[in-house]
Structure formats: structure tokens, C-alpha cells
Protein backbone atom coordinates (compact mmCIF):
# COMPACT_ATOMS: atom_id res chain seq x y z
CA UNK A 1 4.29 31.94 -35.33
CA UNK A 2 6.53 33.04 -38.23
CA UNK A 3 4.66 30.62 -40.50
CA UNK A 4 1.32 32.16 -39.53
CA UNK A 5 2.70 35.61 -40.18
CA UNK A 6 3.87 34.58 -43.64
CA UNK A 7 0.50 33.05 -44.39
CA UNK A 8 -1.30 36.19 -43.23
CA UNK A 9 0.99 38.32 -45.38
CA UNK A 10 0.37 36.05 -48.37
CA UNK A 11 -3.41 36.23 -47.88
CA UNK A 12 -3.23 40.02 -47.59
CA UNK A 13 -1.06 40.20 -50.69
CA UNK A 14 -3.50 38.11 -52.72
CA UNK A 15 -6.42 40.21 -51.52
CA UNK A 16 -4.66 43.48 -52.28
CA UNK A 17 -3.41 42.40 -55.70
CA UNK A 18 -6.80 40.90 -56.52
CA UNK A 19 -8.53 44.10 -55.54
CA UNK A 20 -6.03 46.17 -57.48
CA UNK A 21 -6.42 43.99 -60.57
CA UNK A 22 -10.21 44.17 -60.30
CA UNK A 23 -10.13 47.94 -60.09
CA UNK A 24 -7.77 48.23 -63.06
CA UNK A 25 -9.77 45.81 -65.21
CA UNK A 26 -13.00 47.52 -64.26
CA UNK A 27 -11.64 50.80 -65.62
CA UNK A 28 -10.01 49.39 -68.75
CA UNK A 29 -12.43 48.54 -71.54
CA UNK A 30 -12.07 47.84 -75.21
CA UNK A 31 -9.12 46.89 -77.43
CA UNK A 32 -6.01 49.04 -77.61
CA UNK A 33 -4.66 50.00 -81.06
CA UNK A 34 -1.07 49.17 -81.97
CA UNK A 35 1.48 50.86 -84.23
CA UNK A 36 4.82 49.27 -85.15
CA UNK A 37 4.17 46.56 -82.57
CA UNK A 38 3.80 49.08 -79.74
CA UNK A 39 0.43 49.72 -78.04
CA UNK A 40 -1.01 53.22 -77.98
CA UNK A 41 -0.55 53.62 -74.20
CA UNK A 42 3.23 53.18 -74.53
CA UNK A 43 3.42 55.77 -77.30
CA UNK A 44 1.43 58.17 -75.13
CA UNK A 45 3.78 57.67 -72.19
CA UNK A 46 6.45 59.42 -74.28
CA UNK A 47 4.66 62.71 -73.64
CA UNK A 48 5.49 62.70 -69.95
CA UNK A 49 8.73 60.70 -69.86
CA UNK A 50 11.46 62.56 -67.92
CA UNK A 51 14.24 63.76 -70.19
CA UNK A 52 12.13 63.91 -73.34
CA UNK A 53 11.81 67.39 -74.79
CA UNK A 54 8.43 68.67 -75.92
CA UNK A 55 8.36 68.49 -79.73
CA UNK A 56 11.75 66.77 -79.68
CA UNK A 57 12.52 63.66 -81.80
CA UNK A 58 10.88 61.15 -79.42
CA UNK A 59 7.83 63.38 -78.99
CA UNK A 60 7.52 63.67 -82.79
CA UNK A 61 7.69 59.88 -83.10
CA UNK A 62 4.82 59.60 -80.64
CA UNK A 63 2.85 62.22 -82.57
CA UNK A 64 3.41 60.29 -85.79
CA UNK A 65 2.30 57.05 -84.12
CA UNK A 66 -0.94 58.66 -82.91
CA UNK A 67 -1.60 60.13 -86.36
CA UNK A 68 -0.98 56.76 -88.02
CA UNK A 69 -3.35 55.06 -85.59
CA UNK A 70 -5.82 57.82 -86.42
CA UNK A 71 -9.41 57.74 -85.22
CA UNK A 72 -8.87 54.21 -83.90
CA UNK A 73 -7.15 55.95 -80.99
CA UNK A 74 -10.23 58.00 -80.07
CA UNK A 75 -12.07 55.43 -77.90
CA UNK A 76 -8.93 54.82 -75.81
CA UNK A 77 -8.23 58.56 -75.51
CA UNK A 78 -11.80 59.22 -74.37
CA UNK A 79 -11.50 56.51 -71.72
CA UNK A 80 -8.27 58.10 -70.48
CA UNK A 81 -10.00 61.48 -70.20
CA UNK A 82 -12.61 59.86 -67.97
CA UNK A 83 -10.06 58.45 -65.54
CA UNK A 84 -10.24 59.49 -61.94
CA UNK A 85 -8.39 57.88 -59.06
CA UNK A 86 -11.16 56.58 -56.81
CA UNK A 87 -10.50 56.35 -53.05
CA UNK A 88 -10.91 52.57 -53.31
CA UNK A 89 -8.28 52.25 -56.04
CA UNK A 90 -5.86 54.48 -54.12
CA UNK A 91 -6.28 52.31 -51.01
CA UNK A 92 -5.52 49.16 -52.98
CA UNK A 93 -2.51 50.81 -54.60
CA UNK A 94 -1.14 52.09 -51.29
CA UNK A 95 -1.44 48.61 -49.74
CA UNK A 96 0.01 46.86 -52.77
CA UNK A 97 3.02 49.17 -52.90
CA UNK A 98 3.91 48.30 -49.30
CA UNK A 99 4.62 44.67 -50.20
CA UNK A 100 7.98 43.75 -51.76
CA UNK A 101 7.03 40.64 -53.73
CA UNK A 102 5.61 42.29 -56.83
CA UNK A 103 6.34 45.79 -58.06
CA UNK A 104 3.14 47.76 -58.56
CA UNK A 105 3.23 50.51 -61.17
CA UNK A 106 0.36 52.96 -61.05
CA UNK A 107 -0.13 55.77 -63.58
CA UNK A 108 -2.08 58.57 -61.87
CA UNK A 109 -5.33 59.62 -63.49
CA UNK A 110 -4.04 63.17 -63.91
CA UNK A 111 -1.21 61.79 -66.07
CA UNK A 112 -3.64 59.78 -68.20
CA UNK A 113 -5.82 62.89 -68.63
CA UNK A 114 -2.78 64.84 -69.81
CA UNK A 115 -1.64 62.10 -72.20
CA UNK A 116 -5.14 61.96 -73.71
CA UNK A 117 -5.10 65.73 -74.25
CA UNK A 118 -1.78 65.62 -76.10
CA UNK A 119 -2.94 62.59 -78.09
CA UNK A 120 -6.07 64.41 -79.24
CA UNK A 121 -4.01 67.46 -80.16
CA UNK A 122 -1.81 65.23 -82.29
CA UNK A 123 -4.89 63.97 -84.14
CA UNK A 124 -6.08 67.53 -84.74
CA UNK A 125 -9.19 67.98 -86.89
CA UNK A 126 -9.25 64.25 -87.58
CA UNK A 127 -10.83 63.92 -84.12
CA UNK A 128 -13.74 66.28 -84.89
CA UNK A 129 -16.31 63.47 -84.71
CA UNK A 130 -15.40 63.06 -81.03
CA UNK A 131 -16.60 66.59 -80.17
CA UNK A 132 -20.03 65.51 -78.82
CA UNK A 133 -18.33 63.01 -76.51
CA UNK A 134 -15.77 65.62 -75.45
CA UNK A 135 -18.53 68.11 -74.59
CA UNK A 136 -20.26 65.45 -72.53
CA UNK A 137 -17.04 64.67 -70.62
CA UNK A 138 -16.43 68.38 -70.05
CA UNK A 139 -19.90 68.82 -68.57
CA UNK A 140 -19.60 65.73 -66.39
CA UNK A 141 -16.68 67.41 -64.60
CA UNK A 142 -15.25 64.04 -63.58
CA UNK A 143 -12.35 65.85 -61.95
CA UNK A 144 -10.68 69.24 -62.25
CA UNK A 145 -7.83 67.67 -64.23
CA UNK A 146 -10.18 65.80 -66.58
CA UNK A 147 -12.25 68.90 -67.29
CA UNK A 148 -9.16 71.04 -67.89
CA UNK A 149 -7.67 68.49 -70.30
CA UNK A 150 -10.98 68.28 -72.17
CA UNK A 151 -11.18 72.08 -72.44
CA UNK A 152 -7.64 72.14 -73.86
CA UNK A 153 -8.64 69.62 -76.52
CA UNK A 154 -11.74 71.58 -77.51
CA UNK A 155 -9.70 74.77 -77.72
CA UNK A 156 -7.09 73.12 -79.94
CA UNK A 157 -9.82 72.13 -82.42
CA UNK A 158 -10.77 75.76 -83.06
CA UNK A 159 -14.07 76.83 -84.70
CA UNK A 160 -15.03 73.26 -85.56
CA UNK A 161 -15.67 72.78 -81.81
CA UNK A 162 -18.34 75.51 -81.64
CA UNK A 163 -20.79 72.87 -80.40
CA UNK A 164 -19.00 73.20 -77.05
CA UNK A 165 -19.78 76.92 -76.66
CA UNK A 166 -23.00 76.55 -74.60
CA UNK A 167 -21.19 74.30 -72.10
CA UNK A 168 -18.22 76.67 -71.96
CA UNK A 169 -20.50 79.67 -71.40
CA UNK A 170 -21.86 77.85 -68.36
CA UNK A 171 -18.29 77.09 -67.31
CA UNK A 172 -17.45 80.79 -67.49
CA UNK A 173 -19.83 81.37 -64.55
CA UNK A 174 -18.62 78.43 -62.45
CA UNK A 175 -18.05 79.05 -58.74
CA UNK A 176 -14.44 77.79 -59.08
CA UNK A 177 -12.08 80.33 -60.63
CA UNK A 178 -9.99 77.58 -62.30
CA UNK A 179 -13.05 76.33 -64.17
CA UNK A 180 -13.91 79.89 -65.23
CA UNK A 181 -10.33 80.43 -66.38
CA UNK A 182 -10.37 77.31 -68.56
CA UNK A 183 -13.76 78.17 -70.05
CA UNK A 184 -12.88 81.79 -70.89
CA UNK A 185 -9.55 80.74 -72.42
CA UNK A 186 -11.16 78.00 -74.51
CA UNK A 187 -13.89 80.32 -75.80
CA UNK A 188 -11.18 82.51 -77.28
CA UNK A 189 -9.37 79.54 -78.79
CA UNK A 190 -12.51 78.14 -80.44
CA UNK A 191 -13.12 81.62 -81.85
CA UNK A 192 -16.71 81.20 -82.99
CA UNK A 193 -20.23 82.54 -82.35
CA UNK A 194 -19.06 86.09 -81.51
CA UNK A 195 -22.63 87.32 -80.92
CA UNK A 196 -22.97 85.15 -77.82
CA UNK A 197 -19.34 84.73 -76.81
CA UNK A 198 -18.21 88.37 -76.81
CA UNK A 199 -20.89 89.56 -74.32
CA UNK A 200 -19.92 86.69 -72.00
CA UNK A 201 -16.24 87.60 -72.26
CA UNK A 202 -17.02 91.26 -71.54
CA UNK A 203 -18.80 90.14 -68.39
CA UNK A 204 -15.73 88.08 -67.42
CA UNK A 205 -13.61 91.24 -67.57
CA UNK A 206 -15.16 92.07 -64.21
CA UNK A 207 -14.24 88.73 -62.64
CA UNK A 208 -12.89 88.82 -59.08
CA UNK A 209 -9.87 86.76 -60.17
CA UNK A 210 -7.06 88.53 -62.07
CA UNK A 211 -6.21 85.41 -64.10
CA UNK A 212 -9.77 85.18 -65.38
CA UNK A 213 -9.85 88.90 -66.22
CA UNK A 214 -6.59 88.49 -68.08
CA UNK A 215 -7.86 85.48 -70.03
CA UNK A 216 -11.06 87.33 -70.92
CA UNK A 217 -9.01 90.23 -72.26
CA UNK A 218 -6.84 87.91 -74.37
CA UNK A 219 -9.86 86.05 -75.73
CA UNK A 220 -11.54 89.31 -76.70
CA UNK A 221 -8.34 90.47 -78.40
CA UNK A 222 -8.33 87.30 -80.50
CA UNK A 223 -11.66 88.37 -82.03
CA UNK A 224 -10.11 91.61 -83.29
CA UNK A 225 -12.55 94.27 -84.60
CA UNK A 226 -15.48 91.89 -84.01
CA UNK A 227 -15.05 92.61 -80.28
CA UNK A 228 -15.46 96.39 -80.63
CA UNK A 229 -18.30 96.31 -78.08
CA UNK A 230 -15.68 95.41 -75.46
CA UNK A 231 -13.64 98.60 -75.96
CA UNK A 232 -15.33 100.70 -73.22
CA UNK A 233 -14.87 97.92 -70.66
CA UNK A 234 -11.25 97.38 -71.73
CA UNK A 235 -10.52 101.12 -71.44
CA UNK A 236 -11.81 101.02 -67.85
CA UNK A 237 -9.53 98.07 -67.21
CA UNK A 238 -6.45 100.14 -67.97
CA UNK A 239 -6.66 101.13 -64.31
CA UNK A 240 -6.77 97.51 -63.09
CA UNK A 241 -4.72 96.99 -59.94
CA UNK A 242 -2.87 94.07 -61.52
CA UNK A 243 -0.09 95.28 -63.90
CA UNK A 244 -0.10 91.95 -65.74
CA UNK A 245 -3.77 92.50 -66.58
CA UNK A 246 -3.27 96.09 -67.74
CA UNK A 247 -0.41 95.07 -70.02
CA UNK A 248 -2.61 92.42 -71.59
CA UNK A 249 -5.54 94.84 -71.93
CA UNK A 250 -3.23 97.20 -73.84
CA UNK A 251 -2.47 94.49 -76.38
CA UNK A 252 -6.13 93.54 -76.73
CA UNK A 253 -7.18 97.15 -77.34
CA UNK A 254 -4.62 97.47 -80.11
CA UNK A 255 -5.93 94.27 -81.72
CA UNK A 256 -9.56 95.35 -81.51
CA UNK A 257 -9.48 99.10 -82.16
CA UNK A 258 -6.01 100.56 -82.81
CA UNK A 259 -7.36 104.07 -83.37
CA UNK A 260 -9.22 104.26 -80.06
CA UNK A 261 -6.24 102.67 -78.32
CA UNK A 262 -3.94 105.38 -79.70
CA UNK A 263 -6.31 108.14 -78.61
CA UNK A 264 -6.30 106.64 -75.11
CA UNK A 265 -2.52 106.86 -75.06
CA UNK A 266 -1.99 103.12 -75.40
CA UNK A 267 1.45 102.36 -76.77
């Protein structure tokens, strides 16, 4: 009886590990670049290693490694942005982690998305040729975490990422407030195409969610005098029920039109 149990456990273990390996291999494609004998994925793990300080010495080493690898890192980073933990993979992982023969280490998709975002930010403008692929990933909305990470990357690239503006304008009207928040924030960070972006941001000032209203105010403020058309709407927002929003509106008014702000009693 004990022998049969061991055999059944062994068969289950093989099936689980086989399924897990298949799922991992199915998601991992292409060669991985190496710097100083260490693969890119290990350098990227530095960004979320407990105890490491953001922008500390280890973080800076990882940044330098990504920069040295350069655009060769882009295909791997794009794949990481596309990661999503499928129900099938999670089942295999849960089963595999119950056995005690082999330790199974799983990096959640949300962590890979985050690592890819920081990796792209380390590359900076060197990654500009990846913008079309980034826009496509953003619009695919693979997962909330993937889309957010992609928006952060596009925002970090600034005006060079203006190709993403049409997709972000659609994101600013998404049914989910978190998607609207990311889109409105990123539009301000890209800081381009004011003729189409500023009217959309003015509309977002009336969003039902205070975080989105706040982000719209900040993004408008970043445009400075170019956003003068937003002044009437911002003045109305001084009576917003959320004090955090009104404080931010005050700053935006001073950035856009200091004279009108002073006349309105903004300090």
C-alpha cells in the first residue's frame, strides 16, 4: 500500500513538474543577454530584492548592467511586460509547491512587469524604437499590472513617446478609474500635442474619482501657460470636496496663470 502511494506521488510529481516546465518554457522565448557573466533576469531581480534601497549601490549596478546591455535587453523586457499568470500556470505552481522533493520558485507576473518597467527606465531614450511595441502592449491590456507598467515606461520617455497619445486618450475614458488615472498621469508626463491633450485633461477634471481629478490637474499644470484654456475649470475646482484636490489645483493655477490665480486669492 505504501509503495503504491509513493508511486502515485511520484507520478503526480512528474506530471506537475512537467506541466510547470511546459508552461514556463511556453512563455519564455528568445536568448537572454548577459553582462559580466550574469543574465539580464538576475540583474533585474535586484530592483525588487528585499533590503536593497532604490537608487542605492546595488540598484545602480543593476542600472549600469541594463545600460551596458543596451537595446539587446529590449526583446526580453517586452516579453516580461506581456507576462500574466494564467489560471493553468497557477494551478501547476500550487500543486508543485505542495511537494517537498524539489523547491519550486515562481516569480509572479506582476513582479516581472515591474522589473521590465524599471529596466526600460534605465535604458531611457535608448529604448525609443520600442515605442510602437509598447503602445501595442498598452492597448492589449494584458492585465492591469502590465498596462500600468507600460504606461509608466511611456511616461518616462517624455515627448518622444507622443505616438502613444491616441491610445492614452482612449485610456482616459476607460470604465476603470485606475486605467483612467494611469492614462491622465502619463499624458502629462509625455507632455506633447497640447491641442488634443489639454481638452481631454480638462474633461478629466470632472471625473467622478478624486485621484483622476487630481492627476488631471497636475498634468495640466505641467503644460504651464499652454493650458490657459483650463483656468475656468480649475477655478471651479477650488471648491472641490476633496482638500487634496483643491491643494493641487492651487499649484496648477499658479503654474498656468499666476496673475489670475492671485486675483482669485490663490496663495
